Amino acid sequence: FSKNVKLGVHEDSGNRAKLSELLMYHSTKSGDEMTSLKDYISRMPESQKDIYYITGETKKAVETSPFIEKCKKRNYEVLFMVDPIDEYC
């Protein structure tokens, strides 16, 4: 259902906030599990003011990307957005 929920976030402005609570992503700190945006935010260090994400074709491609190294050094978690629809949400 993940892609349908993401499409709903993009197209249904009336339910966007409710649907966004259902979004789940892999991240630099989630391992094989997926994390919600709420859990991601709860783990953010106080010095982190933004949500960081990277888009790509596969989890393996984004988790080995050199573009996330600076965030990892700062202990910032990065969300992996690997569905094509993620770029529009």
N, C-alpha and C. Protein backbone atom coordinates (compact mmCIF):
# COMPACT_ATOMS: atom_id res chain seq x y z
N PHE A 1 0.81 -1.21 0.00
CA PHE A 1 0.00 0.00 0.00
C PHE A 1 0.85 1.27 0.00
N SER A 2 2.12 1.13 0.15
CA SER A 2 3.02 2.27 0.29
C SER A 2 2.87 3.28 -0.85
N LYS A 3 2.88 2.80 -2.07
CA LYS A 3 2.79 3.72 -3.22
C LYS A 3 1.45 4.43 -3.26
N ASN A 4 0.38 3.74 -2.87
CA ASN A 4 -0.94 4.37 -2.85
C ASN A 4 -1.03 5.46 -1.79
N VAL A 5 -0.45 5.22 -0.64
CA VAL A 5 -0.43 6.23 0.42
C VAL A 5 0.38 7.45 -0.05
N LYS A 6 1.52 7.20 -0.66
CA LYS A 6 2.35 8.30 -1.15
C LYS A 6 1.63 9.09 -2.23
N LEU A 7 0.91 8.42 -3.09
CA LEU A 7 0.12 9.10 -4.12
C LEU A 7 -0.97 9.95 -3.46
N GLY A 8 -1.58 9.41 -2.39
CA GLY A 8 -2.59 10.17 -1.66
C GLY A 8 -2.03 11.43 -1.04
N VAL A 9 -0.82 11.36 -0.50
CA VAL A 9 -0.17 12.54 0.07
C VAL A 9 -0.01 13.61 -1.01
N HIS A 10 0.33 13.18 -2.19
CA HIS A 10 0.56 14.10 -3.31
C HIS A 10 -0.74 14.70 -3.84
N GLU A 11 -1.79 13.88 -3.93
CA GLU A 11 -3.01 14.32 -4.61
C GLU A 11 -4.15 14.76 -3.71
N ASP A 12 -4.19 14.31 -2.46
CA ASP A 12 -5.31 14.58 -1.57
C ASP A 12 -4.92 15.59 -0.50
N SER A 13 -5.03 16.86 -0.81
CA SER A 13 -4.58 17.88 0.13
C SER A 13 -5.41 17.89 1.41
N GLY A 14 -6.64 17.46 1.36
CA GLY A 14 -7.49 17.44 2.54
C GLY A 14 -7.05 16.41 3.57
N ASN A 15 -6.44 15.33 3.11
CA ASN A 15 -6.00 14.27 4.02
C ASN A 15 -4.48 14.13 4.09
N ARG A 16 -3.77 15.10 3.55
CA ARG A 16 -2.31 15.03 3.48
C ARG A 16 -1.65 14.80 4.84
N ALA A 17 -2.08 15.53 5.84
CA ALA A 17 -1.46 15.39 7.17
C ALA A 17 -1.70 13.99 7.75
N LYS A 18 -2.92 13.48 7.61
CA LYS A 18 -3.22 12.14 8.13
C LYS A 18 -2.45 11.07 7.38
N LEU A 19 -2.40 11.20 6.06
CA LEU A 19 -1.69 10.20 5.26
C LEU A 19 -0.19 10.24 5.51
N SER A 20 0.36 11.43 5.75
CA SER A 20 1.81 11.53 5.97
C SER A 20 2.25 10.78 7.22
N GLU A 21 1.34 10.58 8.17
CA GLU A 21 1.66 9.81 9.37
C GLU A 21 1.88 8.34 9.06
N LEU A 22 1.40 7.88 7.91
CA LEU A 22 1.52 6.48 7.52
C LEU A 22 2.77 6.19 6.68
N LEU A 23 3.47 7.24 6.26
CA LEU A 23 4.64 7.05 5.41
C LEU A 23 5.76 6.36 6.18
N MET A 24 6.42 5.43 5.53
CA MET A 24 7.53 4.69 6.13
C MET A 24 8.69 4.65 5.15
N TYR A 25 9.90 4.81 5.67
CA TYR A 25 11.11 4.81 4.85
C TYR A 25 12.23 4.07 5.56
N HIS A 26 13.14 3.53 4.79
CA HIS A 26 14.40 3.06 5.35
C HIS A 26 15.25 4.30 5.57
N SER A 27 16.25 4.18 6.44
CA SER A 27 17.14 5.32 6.70
C SER A 27 18.52 4.83 7.10
N THR A 28 19.41 5.77 7.30
CA THR A 28 20.77 5.43 7.71
C THR A 28 20.81 4.78 9.09
N LYS A 29 19.77 4.96 9.88
CA LYS A 29 19.76 4.42 11.23
C LYS A 29 18.70 3.33 11.46
N SER A 30 17.91 3.02 10.46
CA SER A 30 16.82 2.08 10.68
C SER A 30 17.18 0.63 10.35
N GLY A 31 18.33 0.40 9.74
CA GLY A 31 18.72 -0.96 9.40
C GLY A 31 17.77 -1.57 8.39
N ASP A 32 17.31 -2.80 8.68
CA ASP A 32 16.37 -3.47 7.78
C ASP A 32 14.93 -3.06 8.02
N GLU A 33 14.68 -2.37 9.12
CA GLU A 33 13.33 -1.90 9.44
C GLU A 33 13.06 -0.58 8.72
N MET A 34 11.80 -0.21 8.68
CA MET A 34 11.44 1.09 8.13
C MET A 34 11.06 2.00 9.29
N THR A 35 11.16 3.30 9.07
CA THR A 35 10.86 4.26 10.11
C THR A 35 9.80 5.25 9.62
N SER A 36 9.01 5.75 10.54
CA SER A 36 8.02 6.77 10.21
C SER A 36 8.67 8.15 10.33
N LEU A 37 8.01 9.14 9.77
CA LEU A 37 8.53 10.51 9.90
C LEU A 37 8.52 10.95 11.36
N LYS A 38 7.49 10.53 12.10
CA LYS A 38 7.39 10.89 13.52
C LYS A 38 8.58 10.31 14.30
N ASP A 39 8.92 9.05 14.06
CA ASP A 39 10.06 8.44 14.74
C ASP A 39 11.37 9.08 14.31
N TYR A 40 11.48 9.39 13.04
CA TYR A 40 12.67 10.07 12.52
C TYR A 40 12.88 11.39 13.29
N ILE A 41 11.82 12.17 13.38
CA ILE A 41 11.91 13.48 14.04
C ILE A 41 12.24 13.32 15.52
N SER A 42 11.71 12.28 16.15
CA SER A 42 11.99 12.08 17.58
C SER A 42 13.46 11.74 17.84
N ARG A 43 14.15 11.21 16.83
CA ARG A 43 15.57 10.86 16.98
C ARG A 43 16.52 11.98 16.55
N MET A 44 15.99 13.06 16.00
CA MET A 44 16.84 14.13 15.51
C MET A 44 17.59 14.81 16.65
N PRO A 45 18.90 15.01 16.49
CA PRO A 45 19.64 15.78 17.50
C PRO A 45 19.12 17.22 17.53
N GLU A 46 19.29 17.91 18.65
CA GLU A 46 18.80 19.28 18.74
C GLU A 46 19.44 20.20 17.71
N SER A 47 20.65 19.88 17.32
CA SER A 47 21.35 20.72 16.34
C SER A 47 20.81 20.55 14.92
N GLN A 48 20.03 19.50 14.69
CA GLN A 48 19.49 19.23 13.36
C GLN A 48 18.16 19.95 13.20
N LYS A 49 18.09 20.85 12.24
CA LYS A 49 16.89 21.66 12.03
C LYS A 49 16.07 21.23 10.83
N ASP A 50 16.61 20.35 10.00
CA ASP A 50 15.94 19.94 8.77
C ASP A 50 15.84 18.42 8.68
N ILE A 51 14.94 17.97 7.82
CA ILE A 51 14.83 16.54 7.51
C ILE A 51 15.70 16.29 6.29
N TYR A 52 16.58 15.30 6.39
CA TYR A 52 17.48 14.98 5.28
C TYR A 52 17.02 13.69 4.61
N TYR A 53 17.07 13.71 3.29
CA TYR A 53 16.68 12.53 2.51
C TYR A 53 17.50 12.47 1.25
N ILE A 54 17.54 11.29 0.68
CA ILE A 54 18.20 11.10 -0.61
C ILE A 54 17.30 10.21 -1.45
N THR A 55 17.22 10.54 -2.73
CA THR A 55 16.42 9.73 -3.65
C THR A 55 17.35 8.93 -4.55
N GLY A 56 16.85 7.80 -4.98
CA GLY A 56 17.62 6.95 -5.87
C GLY A 56 16.81 5.74 -6.28
N GLU A 57 17.44 4.87 -7.07
CA GLU A 57 16.71 3.73 -7.61
C GLU A 57 16.61 2.56 -6.65
N THR A 58 17.60 2.38 -5.77
CA THR A 58 17.57 1.26 -4.83
C THR A 58 18.11 1.70 -3.48
N LYS A 59 17.76 0.93 -2.46
CA LYS A 59 18.26 1.20 -1.12
C LYS A 59 19.78 1.08 -1.10
N LYS A 60 20.29 0.07 -1.75
CA LYS A 60 21.74 -0.14 -1.78
C LYS A 60 22.46 1.05 -2.42
N ALA A 61 21.89 1.58 -3.49
CA ALA A 61 22.51 2.72 -4.18
C ALA A 61 22.56 3.96 -3.30
N VAL A 62 21.48 4.23 -2.58
CA VAL A 62 21.47 5.46 -1.78
C VAL A 62 22.25 5.32 -0.48
N GLU A 63 22.27 4.12 0.11
CA GLU A 63 22.99 3.98 1.38
C GLU A 63 24.50 4.01 1.20
N THR A 64 24.97 3.82 -0.02
CA THR A 64 26.41 3.89 -0.29
C THR A 64 26.80 5.17 -1.03
N SER A 65 25.86 6.09 -1.15
CA SER A 65 26.12 7.33 -1.87
C SER A 65 27.05 8.25 -1.08
N PRO A 66 28.01 8.85 -1.75
CA PRO A 66 28.91 9.80 -1.07
C PRO A 66 28.20 11.08 -0.64
N PHE A 67 27.01 11.34 -1.17
CA PHE A 67 26.28 12.56 -0.83
C PHE A 67 25.78 12.59 0.61
N ILE A 68 25.70 11.43 1.26
CA ILE A 68 25.18 11.42 2.64
C ILE A 68 26.29 11.37 3.69
N GLU A 69 27.53 11.34 3.27
CA GLU A 69 28.65 11.22 4.21
C GLU A 69 28.71 12.35 5.22
N LYS A 70 28.49 13.58 4.78
CA LYS A 70 28.56 14.72 5.69
C LYS A 70 27.47 14.63 6.77
N CYS A 71 26.28 14.19 6.38
CA CYS A 71 25.20 14.01 7.37
C CYS A 71 25.56 12.92 8.36
N LYS A 72 26.10 11.82 7.87
CA LYS A 72 26.47 10.71 8.75
C LYS A 72 27.54 11.14 9.75
N LYS A 73 28.50 11.95 9.31
CA LYS A 73 29.54 12.44 10.21
C LYS A 73 28.97 13.32 11.31
N ARG A 74 27.90 14.03 11.00
CA ARG A 74 27.25 14.90 11.99
C ARG A 74 26.21 14.13 12.83
N ASN A 75 26.11 12.83 12.58
CA ASN A 75 25.14 11.96 13.26
C ASN A 75 23.70 12.31 12.89
N TYR A 76 23.49 12.84 11.68
CA TYR A 76 22.16 13.13 11.18
C TYR A 76 21.65 11.91 10.41
N GLU A 77 20.44 11.53 10.70
CA GLU A 77 19.81 10.42 9.99
C GLU A 77 19.33 10.90 8.62
N VAL A 78 19.46 10.05 7.62
CA VAL A 78 19.04 10.39 6.26
C VAL A 78 18.00 9.35 5.82
N LEU A 79 16.86 9.84 5.34
CA LEU A 79 15.82 8.96 4.83
C LEU A 79 16.16 8.52 3.41
N PHE A 80 15.86 7.27 3.10
CA PHE A 80 16.09 6.73 1.75
C PHE A 80 14.77 6.68 1.00
N MET A 81 14.65 7.49 -0.03
CA MET A 81 13.44 7.52 -0.83
C MET A 81 13.74 6.86 -2.17
N VAL A 82 13.26 5.65 -2.33
CA VAL A 82 13.63 4.85 -3.51
C VAL A 82 12.45 4.52 -4.43
N ASP A 83 11.25 4.98 -4.11
CA ASP A 83 10.13 4.83 -5.02
C ASP A 83 10.08 6.06 -5.92
N PRO A 84 9.80 5.90 -7.21
CA PRO A 84 9.73 7.07 -8.09
C PRO A 84 8.76 8.15 -7.58
N ILE A 85 7.68 7.75 -6.95
CA ILE A 85 6.70 8.72 -6.45
C ILE A 85 7.27 9.59 -5.32
N ASP A 86 8.31 9.12 -4.64
CA ASP A 86 8.90 9.87 -3.53
C ASP A 86 9.37 11.25 -3.95
N GLU A 87 9.82 11.38 -5.16
CA GLU A 87 10.34 12.67 -5.61
C GLU A 87 9.26 13.72 -5.73
N TYR A 88 8.00 13.30 -5.79
CA TYR A 88 6.88 14.24 -5.90
C TYR A 88 6.26 14.53 -4.56
N CYS A 89 6.46 13.66 -3.58
CA CYS A 89 5.85 13.88 -2.24
C CYS A 89 6.70 14.84 -1.50
